[in-house]
Amino acid sequence: MTTPSIAPQPASVAPQSMRAALAPVLADAVATDPGLITVGADGRALFGQVIERDPRRYVDVGIAEANMVGVAAGLARAGLRPVAAAMAPFLVRRAYEQIRLDVCVPGLPVVLLGVGGGLGYGPLGPTHHATDDITLMSAMPGMEVYCPADAADAVRVVRTVLAGTSGPAYVRLSARPDPVLPSAASEGDPRGPRLLRDGDDVLVLAAGRCVAEALDAAEGLAEDGVAAAVASVTALRPFPAAAVRELVGRRPLVVTVAESLPPGGLGPCTAEALGSRGPALISLHTDHRYPPVAAHQDLLRFYGVDGRSIRSAVLSHRNRKTREA
């Protein structure tokens, strides 16, 4: 398998929120595409620069996510290209019926941006957590689902979706600034996996915020004598099955880690892609346990999808194999 060169991460780059990174991208898109219009549910952080340039290209429906999706669907039927955004837990759950029937069943080109997917809102608790967003959106007819790894990846995803997607798409955005990743995490086509670190002993496939955790785990595993490769998987539907199989190559172990529930997520999609004759597979993901009131990083640790948990899973598998030999 050919391994691409992996650029180091400049130490001077400061973390940036996905919303801050996308605000000028969306403003530029509106300026260049007369058919693009933005829709929000009482949240203007993403669309502030759009409003400054041309307030007619932004529709605010208030705290009414289901109505927002209906408005976006109507605008799409009128020939426009809506980009609608709201907090992920409320967009996904309160507007689920409207997303399915108004947008997905007719296959309308509506881009949905869910802010704060996963555990990004931390201590605000389960009312504001959305670890089920990937599962729910993956069940929608014709819906493309993306989980960017950092702000630069989010920019690449949104530009790609706006340039080429003819149907509905959901992009999970983080709520707060994420760790800045190597440039390889946002280069090339986001619909395929990106290799960020090479290693022959194990391949860790990660999505979203967990990519940074996977890289942290790989550093620790190197101290344990384990050469861990790390790849970012941003597109979860359609899942890049063939590219993932090629990336796995001859590595004897694959670990998937994602800040989401299993169904429709990274772990089951990888298992299906590899089949019963594939390498050993460990899937790390969130579950339905009631979370403590805690910061984002502590919640990743609680659910076992942080760097320490990844490292522990790899070492436990390695030690078990050694005992069995």
C-alpha atoms as a PDB file:
ATOM      1  CA  MET A   1       0.000   0.000   0.000  1.00  0.00           C
ATOM      2  CA  THR A   2       1.354   3.432  -0.905  1.00  0.00           C
ATOM      3  CA  THR A   3       1.551   5.844   2.001  1.00  0.00           C
ATOM      4  CA  PRO A   4       1.192   9.556   1.226  1.00  0.00           C
ATOM      5  CA  SER A   5       3.517  12.051   2.859  1.00  0.00           C
ATOM      6  CA  ILE A   6       1.984  13.568   5.968  1.00  0.00           C
ATOM      7  CA  ALA A   7       2.649  17.239   6.624  1.00  0.00           C
ATOM      8  CA  PRO A   8       3.473  18.239  10.214  1.00  0.00           C
ATOM      9  CA  GLN A   9       1.148  20.593  12.050  1.00  0.00           C
ATOM     10  CA  PRO A  10       2.520  24.153  12.462  1.00  0.00           C
ATOM     11  CA  ALA A  11       2.789  24.923  16.162  1.00  0.00           C
ATOM     12  CA  SER A  12       1.698  28.531  15.608  1.00  0.00           C
ATOM     13  CA  VAL A  13      -1.824  27.700  14.427  1.00  0.00           C
ATOM     14  CA  ALA A  14      -4.436  28.555  17.077  1.00  0.00           C
ATOM     15  CA  PRO A  15      -7.620  26.516  17.488  1.00  0.00           C
ATOM     16  CA  GLN A  16     -10.657  27.974  15.729  1.00  0.00           C
ATOM     17  CA  SER A  17     -14.310  27.097  15.995  1.00  0.00           C
ATOM     18  CA  MET A  18     -16.002  25.635  12.942  1.00  0.00           C
ATOM     19  CA  ARG A  19     -18.561  28.428  13.041  1.00  0.00           C
ATOM     20  CA  ALA A  20     -15.871  31.118  12.915  1.00  0.00           C
ATOM     21  CA  ALA A  21     -14.086  29.352  10.061  1.00  0.00           C
ATOM     22  CA  LEU A  22     -17.273  28.864   8.045  1.00  0.00           C
ATOM     23  CA  ALA A  23     -18.734  32.365   8.437  1.00  0.00           C
ATOM     24  CA  PRO A  24     -16.630  33.949   5.647  1.00  0.00           C
ATOM     25  CA  VAL A  25     -16.979  30.828   3.477  1.00  0.00           C
ATOM     26  CA  LEU A  26     -20.759  31.067   3.575  1.00  0.00           C
ATOM     27  CA  ALA A  27     -20.657  34.817   2.936  1.00  0.00           C
ATOM     28  CA  ASP A  28     -18.450  34.274  -0.119  1.00  0.00           C
ATOM     29  CA  ALA A  29     -20.729  31.478  -1.352  1.00  0.00           C
ATOM     30  CA  VAL A  30     -23.777  33.730  -1.132  1.00  0.00           C
ATOM     31  CA  ALA A  31     -21.915  36.497  -2.966  1.00  0.00           C
ATOM     32  CA  THR A  32     -20.954  34.225  -5.863  1.00  0.00           C
ATOM     33  CA  ASP A  33     -24.091  32.056  -6.117  1.00  0.00           C
ATOM     34  CA  PRO A  34     -27.346  34.002  -6.626  1.00  0.00           C
ATOM     35  CA  GLY A  35     -29.367  30.886  -5.865  1.00  0.00           C
ATOM     36  CA  LEU A  36     -27.907  30.267  -2.405  1.00  0.00           C
ATOM     37  CA  ILE A  37     -29.884  31.426   0.613  1.00  0.00           C
ATOM     38  CA  THR A  38     -29.283  30.884   4.328  1.00  0.00           C
ATOM     39  CA  VAL A  39     -31.839  29.998   6.996  1.00  0.00           C
ATOM     40  CA  GLY A  40     -31.352  30.039  10.766  1.00  0.00           C
ATOM     41  CA  ALA A  41     -33.232  29.281  13.974  1.00  0.00           C
ATOM     42  CA  ASP A  42     -32.325  32.196  16.245  1.00  0.00           C
ATOM     43  CA  GLY A  43     -28.600  31.695  15.744  1.00  0.00           C
ATOM     44  CA  ARG A  44     -26.535  34.110  13.673  1.00  0.00           C
ATOM     45  CA  ALA A  45     -22.929  33.139  14.396  1.00  0.00           C
ATOM     46  CA  LEU A  46     -22.644  31.222  11.127  1.00  0.00           C
ATOM     47  CA  PHE A  47     -24.483  33.801   9.040  1.00  0.00           C
ATOM     48  CA  GLY A  48     -23.351  37.106  10.532  1.00  0.00           C
ATOM     49  CA  GLN A  49     -21.174  37.970   7.545  1.00  0.00           C
ATOM     50  CA  VAL A  50     -23.961  36.969   5.148  1.00  0.00           C
ATOM     51  CA  ILE A  51     -26.269  39.432   6.920  1.00  0.00           C
ATOM     52  CA  GLU A  52     -23.635  42.172   6.753  1.00  0.00           C
ATOM     53  CA  ARG A  53     -23.263  41.758   2.987  1.00  0.00           C
ATOM     54  CA  ASP A  54     -26.895  41.216   2.059  1.00  0.00           C
ATOM     55  CA  PRO A  55     -29.546  40.743   4.781  1.00  0.00           C
ATOM     56  CA  ARG A  56     -32.049  39.623   2.118  1.00  0.00           C
ATOM     57  CA  ARG A  57     -30.102  36.362   1.765  1.00  0.00           C
ATOM     58  CA  TYR A  58     -30.813  35.306   5.355  1.00  0.00           C
ATOM     59  CA  VAL A  59     -34.121  34.108   6.819  1.00  0.00           C
ATOM     60  CA  ASP A  60     -34.457  33.816  10.611  1.00  0.00           C
ATOM     61  CA  VAL A  61     -37.431  31.722  11.704  1.00  0.00           C
ATOM     62  CA  GLY A  62     -36.780  32.098  15.434  1.00  0.00           C
ATOM     63  CA  ILE A  63     -36.607  29.208  17.862  1.00  0.00           C
ATOM     64  CA  ALA A  64     -38.585  26.919  15.573  1.00  0.00           C
ATOM     65  CA  GLU A  65     -36.382  24.257  14.018  1.00  0.00           C
ATOM     66  CA  ALA A  66     -39.201  22.278  12.412  1.00  0.00           C
ATOM     67  CA  ASN A  67     -40.497  25.450  10.777  1.00  0.00           C
ATOM     68  CA  MET A  68     -36.958  26.272   9.623  1.00  0.00           C
ATOM     69  CA  VAL A  69     -36.717  22.969   7.755  1.00  0.00           C
ATOM     70  CA  GLY A  70     -40.116  23.518   6.177  1.00  0.00           C
ATOM     71  CA  VAL A  71     -39.095  26.999   5.045  1.00  0.00           C
ATOM     72  CA  ALA A  72     -35.830  25.617   3.632  1.00  0.00           C
ATOM     73  CA  ALA A  73     -37.749  22.925   1.745  1.00  0.00           C
ATOM     74  CA  GLY A  74     -40.081  25.536   0.288  1.00  0.00           C
ATOM     75  CA  LEU A  75     -37.176  27.695  -0.828  1.00  0.00           C
ATOM     76  CA  ALA A  76     -35.579  24.641  -2.463  1.00  0.00           C
ATOM     77  CA  ARG A  77     -38.807  23.865  -4.333  1.00  0.00           C
ATOM     78  CA  ALA A  78     -38.752  27.461  -5.567  1.00  0.00           C
ATOM     79  CA  GLY A  79     -35.373  26.822  -7.194  1.00  0.00           C
ATOM     80  CA  LEU A  80     -33.055  28.159  -4.488  1.00  0.00           C
ATOM     81  CA  ARG A  81     -30.231  26.349  -2.660  1.00  0.00           C
ATOM     82  CA  PRO A  82     -30.832  26.694   1.102  1.00  0.00           C
ATOM     83  CA  VAL A  83     -28.203  26.272   3.803  1.00  0.00           C
ATOM     84  CA  ALA A  84     -29.995  25.885   7.139  1.00  0.00           C
ATOM     85  CA  ALA A  85     -28.313  25.784  10.534  1.00  0.00           C
ATOM     86  CA  ALA A  86     -29.365  25.207  14.133  1.00  0.00           C
ATOM     87  CA  MET A  87     -28.078  23.553  17.286  1.00  0.00           C
ATOM     88  CA  ALA A  88     -27.708  19.866  16.428  1.00  0.00           C
ATOM     89  CA  PRO A  89     -29.786  18.351  19.265  1.00  0.00           C
ATOM     90  CA  PHE A  90     -32.774  20.519  18.374  1.00  0.00           C
ATOM     91  CA  LEU A  91     -32.366  20.377  14.609  1.00  0.00           C
ATOM     92  CA  VAL A  92     -32.131  16.586  14.527  1.00  0.00           C
ATOM     93  CA  ARG A  93     -34.844  15.734  17.057  1.00  0.00           C
ATOM     94  CA  ARG A  94     -37.418  18.500  16.798  1.00  0.00           C
ATOM     95  CA  ALA A  95     -37.388  18.617  13.015  1.00  0.00           C
ATOM     96  CA  TYR A  96     -36.914  14.925  12.247  1.00  0.00           C
ATOM     97  CA  GLU A  97     -40.269  14.451  10.550  1.00  0.00           C
ATOM     98  CA  GLN A  98     -39.839  17.606   8.469  1.00  0.00           C
ATOM     99  CA  ILE A  99     -36.329  16.605   7.432  1.00  0.00           C
ATOM    100  CA  ARG A 100     -37.544  13.219   6.287  1.00  0.00           C
ATOM    101  CA  LEU A 101     -40.784  14.168   4.536  1.00  0.00           C
ATOM    102  CA  ASP A 102     -40.142  17.722   3.346  1.00  0.00           C
ATOM    103  CA  VAL A 103     -36.474  17.415   2.367  1.00  0.00           C
ATOM    104  CA  CYS A 104     -35.268  13.824   2.018  1.00  0.00           C
ATOM    105  CA  VAL A 105     -38.210  12.014   0.453  1.00  0.00           C
ATOM    106  CA  PRO A 106     -38.347  14.507  -2.455  1.00  0.00           C
ATOM    107  CA  GLY A 107     -34.517  14.680  -2.504  1.00  0.00           C
ATOM    108  CA  LEU A 108     -34.250  18.452  -2.221  1.00  0.00           C
ATOM    109  CA  PRO A 109     -30.820  20.146  -2.208  1.00  0.00           C
ATOM    110  CA  VAL A 110     -30.927  21.418   1.373  1.00  0.00           C
ATOM    111  CA  VAL A 111     -27.681  21.576   3.350  1.00  0.00           C
ATOM    112  CA  LEU A 112     -28.225  21.175   7.097  1.00  0.00           C
ATOM    113  CA  LEU A 113     -25.532  22.333   9.524  1.00  0.00           C
ATOM    114  CA  GLY A 114     -25.922  20.888  13.011  1.00  0.00           C
ATOM    115  CA  VAL A 115     -23.926  22.925  15.525  1.00  0.00           C
ATOM    116  CA  GLY A 116     -22.710  21.102  18.610  1.00  0.00           C
ATOM    117  CA  GLY A 117     -23.164  17.510  17.494  1.00  0.00           C
ATOM    118  CA  GLY A 118     -21.868  14.837  19.802  1.00  0.00           C
ATOM    119  CA  LEU A 119     -20.894  15.990  23.292  1.00  0.00           C
ATOM    120  CA  GLY A 120     -19.681  19.439  22.281  1.00  0.00           C
ATOM    121  CA  TYR A 121     -21.923  21.369  24.647  1.00  0.00           C
ATOM    122  CA  GLY A 122     -20.361  19.492  27.561  1.00  0.00           C
ATOM    123  CA  PRO A 123     -21.756  20.553  30.948  1.00  0.00           C
ATOM    124  CA  LEU A 124     -25.100  21.686  29.471  1.00  0.00           C
ATOM    125  CA  GLY A 125     -26.081  18.045  29.755  1.00  0.00           C
ATOM    126  CA  PRO A 126     -28.053  15.487  27.749  1.00  0.00           C
ATOM    127  CA  THR A 127     -30.639  18.013  26.552  1.00  0.00           C
ATOM    128  CA  HIS A 128     -27.793  19.578  24.562  1.00  0.00           C
ATOM    129  CA  HIS A 129     -25.896  16.419  23.628  1.00  0.00           C
ATOM    130  CA  ALA A 130     -26.433  14.876  20.196  1.00  0.00           C
ATOM    131  CA  THR A 131     -24.517  11.625  20.019  1.00  0.00           C
ATOM    132  CA  ASP A 132     -27.489  10.231  18.072  1.00  0.00           C
ATOM    133  CA  ASP A 133     -27.321  12.718  15.189  1.00  0.00           C
ATOM    134  CA  ILE A 134     -25.181  10.518  12.934  1.00  0.00           C
ATOM    135  CA  THR A 135     -27.470   7.527  13.521  1.00  0.00           C
ATOM    136  CA  LEU A 136     -30.642   9.493  12.870  1.00  0.00           C
ATOM    137  CA  MET A 137     -29.378  11.334   9.802  1.00  0.00           C
ATOM    138  CA  SER A 138     -27.888   8.177   8.296  1.00  0.00           C
ATOM    139  CA  ALA A 139     -31.370   6.659   8.336  1.00  0.00           C
ATOM    140  CA  MET A 140     -32.740   9.451   6.129  1.00  0.00           C
ATOM    141  CA  PRO A 141     -33.409   8.688   2.431  1.00  0.00           C
ATOM    142  CA  GLY A 142     -30.599  10.021   0.264  1.00  0.00           C
ATOM    143  CA  MET A 143     -28.937  12.021   3.039  1.00  0.00           C
ATOM    144  CA  GLU A 144     -25.182  12.588   2.858  1.00  0.00           C
ATOM    145  CA  VAL A 145     -23.606  12.715   6.324  1.00  0.00           C
ATOM    146  CA  TYR A 146     -20.304  14.367   7.216  1.00  0.00           C
ATOM    147  CA  CYS A 147     -18.421  14.691  10.501  1.00  0.00           C
ATOM    148  CA  PRO A 148     -15.459  17.081  10.016  1.00  0.00           C
ATOM    149  CA  ALA A 149     -12.384  16.641  12.174  1.00  0.00           C
ATOM    150  CA  ASP A 150     -11.474  20.307  12.697  1.00  0.00           C
ATOM    151  CA  ALA A 151     -12.285  23.790  11.409  1.00  0.00           C
ATOM    152  CA  ALA A 152     -10.227  23.447   8.229  1.00  0.00           C
ATOM    153  CA  ASP A 153     -11.923  20.141   7.450  1.00  0.00           C
ATOM    154  CA  ALA A 154     -15.335  21.738   8.001  1.00  0.00           C
ATOM    155  CA  VAL A 155     -14.469  24.404   5.447  1.00  0.00           C
ATOM    156  CA  ARG A 156     -13.415  21.749   2.935  1.00  0.00           C
ATOM    157  CA  VAL A 157     -16.607  19.758   3.526  1.00  0.00           C
ATOM    158  CA  VAL A 158     -18.979  22.699   3.122  1.00  0.00           C
ATOM    159  CA  ARG A 159     -17.241  23.891  -0.017  1.00  0.00           C
ATOM    160  CA  THR A 160     -17.410  20.387  -1.466  1.00  0.00           C
ATOM    161  CA  VAL A 161     -21.078  19.975  -0.600  1.00  0.00           C
ATOM    162  CA  LEU A 162     -22.041  23.360  -2.022  1.00  0.00           C
ATOM    163  CA  ALA A 163     -20.108  22.659  -5.210  1.00  0.00           C
ATOM    164  CA  GLY A 164     -21.358  19.211  -6.002  1.00  0.00           C
ATOM    165  CA  THR A 165     -24.197  17.817  -3.900  1.00  0.00           C
ATOM    166  CA  SER A 166     -27.587  17.730  -5.630  1.00  0.00           C
ATOM    167  CA  GLY A 167     -29.552  16.251  -2.721  1.00  0.00           C
ATOM    168  CA  PRO A 168     -29.776  16.715   1.054  1.00  0.00           C
ATOM    169  CA  ALA A 169     -26.663  16.788   3.214  1.00  0.00           C
ATOM    170  CA  TYR A 170     -26.018  16.969   6.954  1.00  0.00           C
ATOM    171  CA  VAL A 171     -22.758  18.338   8.360  1.00  0.00           C
ATOM    172  CA  ARG A 172     -22.053  17.939  12.069  1.00  0.00           C
ATOM    173  CA  LEU A 173     -20.235  20.995  13.421  1.00  0.00           C
ATOM    174  CA  SER A 174     -18.507  21.247  16.771  1.00  0.00           C
ATOM    175  CA  ALA A 175     -19.671  23.802  19.333  1.00  0.00           C
ATOM    176  CA  ARG A 176     -16.256  24.996  20.507  1.00  0.00           C
ATOM    177  CA  PRO A 177     -12.741  25.314  19.035  1.00  0.00           C
ATOM    178  CA  ASP A 178     -11.219  21.899  18.393  1.00  0.00           C
ATOM    179  CA  PRO A 179      -7.551  20.899  18.425  1.00  0.00           C
ATOM    180  CA  VAL A 180      -5.847  21.852  15.156  1.00  0.00           C
ATOM    181  CA  LEU A 181      -4.899  18.775  13.151  1.00  0.00           C
ATOM    182  CA  PRO A 182      -2.184  18.136  10.552  1.00  0.00           C
ATOM    183  CA  SER A 183      -3.002  19.705   7.205  1.00  0.00           C
ATOM    184  CA  ALA A 184      -3.576  16.227   5.735  1.00  0.00           C
ATOM    185  CA  ALA A 185      -6.853  16.072   7.691  1.00  0.00           C
ATOM    186  CA  SER A 186      -8.380  18.731   5.460  1.00  0.00           C
ATOM    187  CA  GLU A 187      -6.645  18.107   2.133  1.00  0.00           C
ATOM    188  CA  GLY A 188      -8.113  16.316  -0.856  1.00  0.00           C
ATOM    189  CA  ASP A 189     -11.634  14.987  -1.193  1.00  0.00           C
ATOM    190  CA  PRO A 190     -13.436  14.784   2.186  1.00  0.00           C
ATOM    191  CA  ARG A 191     -15.520  11.910   0.846  1.00  0.00           C
ATOM    192  CA  GLY A 192     -12.526   9.587   1.275  1.00  0.00           C
ATOM    193  CA  PRO A 193     -10.384   8.712   4.333  1.00  0.00           C
ATOM    194  CA  ARG A 194      -7.182  10.669   4.955  1.00  0.00           C
ATOM    195  CA  LEU A 195      -4.090   9.032   6.424  1.00  0.00           C
ATOM    196  CA  LEU A 196      -2.539  11.304   9.072  1.00  0.00           C
ATOM    197  CA  ARG A 197       0.045   8.968  10.556  1.00  0.00           C
ATOM    198  CA  ASP A 198       1.496   5.698   9.302  1.00  0.00           C
ATOM    199  CA  GLY A 199       2.186   2.500  11.204  1.00  0.00           C
ATOM    200  CA  ASP A 200       2.032  -1.241  10.538  1.00  0.00           C
ATOM    201  CA  ASP A 201       0.668  -2.656  13.810  1.00  0.00           C
ATOM    202  CA  VAL A 202      -2.794  -1.086  13.991  1.00  0.00           C
ATOM    203  CA  LEU A 203      -4.948   1.343  12.043  1.00  0.00           C
ATOM    204  CA  VAL A 204      -7.102   3.712  14.080  1.00  0.00           C
ATOM    205  CA  LEU A 205      -9.997   5.118  12.067  1.00  0.00           C
ATOM    206  CA  ALA A 206     -11.545   8.151  13.742  1.00  0.00           C
ATOM    207  CA  ALA A 207     -14.259  10.686  13.009  1.00  0.00           C
ATOM    208  CA  GLY A 208     -14.723  14.265  14.159  1.00  0.00           C
ATOM    209  CA  ARG A 209     -13.264  15.312  17.502  1.00  0.00           C
ATOM    210  CA  CYS A 210     -11.962  11.779  18.066  1.00  0.00           C
ATOM    211  CA  VAL A 211      -9.328  12.234  15.343  1.00  0.00           C
ATOM    212  CA  ALA A 212      -7.291  14.358  17.740  1.00  0.00           C
ATOM    213  CA  GLU A 213      -7.742  11.686  20.404  1.00  0.00           C
ATOM    214  CA  ALA A 214      -6.530   9.008  17.998  1.00  0.00           C
ATOM    215  CA  LEU A 215      -3.373  10.985  17.232  1.00  0.00           C
ATOM    216  CA  ASP A 216      -2.767  11.411  20.960  1.00  0.00           C
ATOM    217  CA  ALA A 217      -3.200   7.662  21.457  1.00  0.00           C
ATOM    218  CA  ALA A 218      -0.753   6.932  18.633  1.00  0.00           C
ATOM    219  CA  GLU A 219       1.900   9.017  20.360  1.00  0.00           C
ATOM    220  CA  GLY A 220       1.433   7.024  23.551  1.00  0.00           C
ATOM    221  CA  LEU A 221       1.401   3.702  21.715  1.00  0.00           C
ATOM    222  CA  ALA A 222       4.727   4.568  20.106  1.00  0.00           C
ATOM    223  CA  GLU A 223       6.196   4.645  23.610  1.00  0.00           C
ATOM    224  CA  ASP A 224       4.740   1.157  24.102  1.00  0.00           C
ATOM    225  CA  GLY A 225       6.457  -0.116  20.960  1.00  0.00           C
ATOM    226  CA  VAL A 226       3.261  -0.147  18.887  1.00  0.00           C
ATOM    227  CA  ALA A 227       3.309   1.534  15.463  1.00  0.00           C
ATOM    228  CA  ALA A 228      -0.191   2.953  15.066  1.00  0.00           C
ATOM    229  CA  ALA A 229      -1.507   4.471  11.868  1.00  0.00           C
ATOM    230  CA  VAL A 230      -4.278   7.074  12.168  1.00  0.00           C
ATOM    231  CA  ALA A 231      -6.801   8.001   9.504  1.00  0.00           C
ATOM    232  CA  SER A 232      -9.629  10.511   9.547  1.00  0.00           C
ATOM    233  CA  VAL A 233     -13.002   9.470   8.104  1.00  0.00           C
ATOM    234  CA  THR A 234     -15.174  12.529   7.501  1.00  0.00           C
ATOM    235  CA  ALA A 235     -17.807  11.084   5.145  1.00  0.00           C
ATOM    236  CA  LEU A 236     -20.021   8.587   6.950  1.00  0.00           C
ATOM    237  CA  ARG A 237     -22.710   8.375   4.261  1.00  0.00           C
ATOM    238  CA  PRO A 238     -22.085   7.397   1.561  1.00  0.00           C
ATOM    239  CA  PHE A 239     -19.365   5.463   3.369  1.00  0.00           C
ATOM    240  CA  PRO A 240     -16.047   5.134   1.475  1.00  0.00           C
ATOM    241  CA  ALA A 241     -15.921   1.354   1.889  1.00  0.00           C
ATOM    242  CA  ALA A 242     -13.478   0.565  -0.917  1.00  0.00           C
ATOM    243  CA  ALA A 243     -11.051   3.290   0.166  1.00  0.00           C
ATOM    244  CA  VAL A 244     -11.193   2.083   3.773  1.00  0.00           C
ATOM    245  CA  ARG A 245     -10.436  -1.501   2.709  1.00  0.00           C
ATOM    246  CA  GLU A 246      -7.452  -0.309   0.719  1.00  0.00           C
ATOM    247  CA  LEU A 247      -6.220   1.775   3.622  1.00  0.00           C
ATOM    248  CA  VAL A 248      -6.450  -1.128   6.049  1.00  0.00           C
ATOM    249  CA  GLY A 249      -4.175  -3.231   3.826  1.00  0.00           C
ATOM    250  CA  ARG A 250      -2.358  -5.949   5.756  1.00  0.00           C
ATOM    251  CA  ARG A 251      -2.614  -4.423   9.216  1.00  0.00           C
ATOM    252  CA  PRO A 252      -3.772  -7.073  11.719  1.00  0.00           C
ATOM    253  CA  LEU A 253      -5.940  -4.749  13.837  1.00  0.00           C
ATOM    254  CA  VAL A 254      -8.366  -1.911  13.142  1.00  0.00           C
ATOM    255  CA  VAL A 255      -9.826   0.337  15.834  1.00  0.00           C
ATOM    256  CA  THR A 256     -12.687   2.707  15.119  1.00  0.00           C
ATOM    257  CA  VAL A 257     -13.462   5.579  17.472  1.00  0.00           C
ATOM    258  CA  ALA A 258     -16.350   8.014  17.166  1.00  0.00           C
ATOM    259  CA  GLU A 259     -18.274  10.400  19.369  1.00  0.00           C
ATOM    260  CA  SER A 260     -21.587   8.879  18.345  1.00  0.00           C
ATOM    261  CA  LEU A 261     -23.875   5.908  18.861  1.00  0.00           C
ATOM    262  CA  PRO A 262     -23.036   2.769  16.831  1.00  0.00           C
ATOM    263  CA  PRO A 263     -25.947   2.385  14.341  1.00  0.00           C
ATOM    264  CA  GLY A 264     -25.103   4.022  11.035  1.00  0.00           C
ATOM    265  CA  GLY A 265     -21.789   5.183  12.453  1.00  0.00           C
ATOM    266  CA  LEU A 266     -18.118   4.589  11.830  1.00  0.00           C
ATOM    267  CA  GLY A 267     -17.795   1.241  13.617  1.00  0.00           C
ATOM    268  CA  PRO A 268     -20.630  -0.700  11.938  1.00  0.00           C
ATOM    269  CA  CYS A 269     -19.871   0.839   8.532  1.00  0.00           C
ATOM    270  CA  THR A 270     -16.239  -0.224   8.833  1.00  0.00           C
ATOM    271  CA  ALA A 271     -17.230  -3.734   9.949  1.00  0.00           C
ATOM    272  CA  GLU A 272     -19.509  -4.096   6.936  1.00  0.00           C
ATOM    273  CA  ALA A 273     -16.800  -2.789   4.599  1.00  0.00           C
ATOM    274  CA  LEU A 274     -14.187  -5.237   5.896  1.00  0.00           C
ATOM    275  CA  GLY A 275     -16.467  -8.275   6.101  1.00  0.00           C
ATOM    276  CA  SER A 276     -15.998 -11.438   8.108  1.00  0.00           C
ATOM    277  CA  ARG A 277     -12.569 -12.152   6.634  1.00  0.00           C
ATOM    278  CA  GLY A 278     -11.122  -8.793   7.593  1.00  0.00           C
ATOM    279  CA  PRO A 279      -8.652  -8.083  10.408  1.00  0.00           C
ATOM    280  CA  ALA A 280      -9.595  -7.928  14.068  1.00  0.00           C
ATOM    281  CA  LEU A 281     -11.851  -4.940  14.698  1.00  0.00           C
ATOM    282  CA  ILE A 282     -12.458  -2.961  17.897  1.00  0.00           C
ATOM    283  CA  SER A 283     -15.222  -0.347  17.877  1.00  0.00           C
ATOM    284  CA  LEU A 284     -15.193   2.457  20.445  1.00  0.00           C
ATOM    285  CA  HIS A 285     -18.289   4.647  20.594  1.00  0.00           C
ATOM    286  CA  THR A 286     -20.699   6.351  22.956  1.00  0.00           C
ATOM    287  CA  ASP A 287     -23.661   4.618  24.555  1.00  0.00           C
ATOM    288  CA  HIS A 288     -26.894   5.409  26.387  1.00  0.00           C
ATOM    289  CA  ARG A 289     -25.442   5.826  29.888  1.00  0.00           C
ATOM    290  CA  TYR A 290     -26.568   9.022  31.618  1.00  0.00           C
ATOM    291  CA  PRO A 291     -23.571  11.370  31.548  1.00  0.00           C
ATOM    292  CA  PRO A 292     -22.090  13.354  34.416  1.00  0.00           C
ATOM    293  CA  VAL A 293     -22.061  17.150  34.307  1.00  0.00           C
ATOM    294  CA  ALA A 294     -18.619  17.564  32.819  1.00  0.00           C
ATOM    295  CA  ALA A 295     -16.476  19.282  30.220  1.00  0.00           C
ATOM    296  CA  HIS A 296     -16.251  17.882  26.689  1.00  0.00           C
ATOM    297  CA  GLN A 297     -12.899  16.180  27.272  1.00  0.00           C
ATOM    298  CA  ASP A 298     -14.124  14.531  30.457  1.00  0.00           C
ATOM    299  CA  LEU A 299     -17.206  13.238  28.649  1.00  0.00           C
ATOM    300  CA  LEU A 300     -15.033  11.685  25.950  1.00  0.00           C
ATOM    301  CA  ARG A 301     -13.194   9.882  28.724  1.00  0.00           C
ATOM    302  CA  PHE A 302     -16.456   8.835  30.431  1.00  0.00           C
ATOM    303  CA  TYR A 303     -17.688   7.152  27.246  1.00  0.00           C
ATOM    304  CA  GLY A 304     -14.302   5.622  26.413  1.00  0.00           C
ATOM    305  CA  VAL A 305     -13.572   7.484  23.189  1.00  0.00           C
ATOM    306  CA  ASP A 306     -10.571   9.552  24.318  1.00  0.00           C
ATOM    307  CA  GLY A 307      -6.879   8.979  23.668  1.00  0.00           C
ATOM    308  CA  ARG A 308      -6.330   7.045  26.872  1.00  0.00           C
ATOM    309  CA  SER A 309      -9.178   4.635  26.061  1.00  0.00           C
ATOM    310  CA  ILE A 310      -7.911   4.043  22.527  1.00  0.00           C
ATOM    311  CA  ARG A 311      -4.430   3.275  23.802  1.00  0.00           C
ATOM    312  CA  SER A 312      -5.819   0.935  26.456  1.00  0.00           C
ATOM    313  CA  ALA A 313      -7.958  -0.949  23.919  1.00  0.00           C
ATOM    314  CA  VAL A 314      -4.995  -1.544  21.610  1.00  0.00           C
ATOM    315  CA  LEU A 315      -2.706  -2.701  24.418  1.00  0.00           C
ATOM    316  CA  SER A 316      -5.388  -5.005  25.878  1.00  0.00           C
ATOM    317  CA  HIS A 317      -5.858  -6.663  22.490  1.00  0.00           C
ATOM    318  CA  ARG A 318      -2.107  -6.981  22.003  1.00  0.00           C
ATOM    319  CA  ASN A 319      -1.584  -8.527  25.453  1.00  0.00           C
ATOM    320  CA  ARG A 320      -4.439 -10.984  24.920  1.00  0.00           C
ATOM    321  CA  LYS A 321      -2.966 -12.093  21.603  1.00  0.00           C
ATOM    322  CA  THR A 322       0.417 -12.543  23.247  1.00  0.00           C
ATOM    323  CA  ARG A 323      -1.071 -14.773  25.944  1.00  0.00           C
ATOM    324  CA  GLU A 324      -2.906 -16.849  23.362  1.00  0.00           C
ATOM    325  CA  ALA A 325       0.213 -17.376  21.226  1.00  0.00           C
END
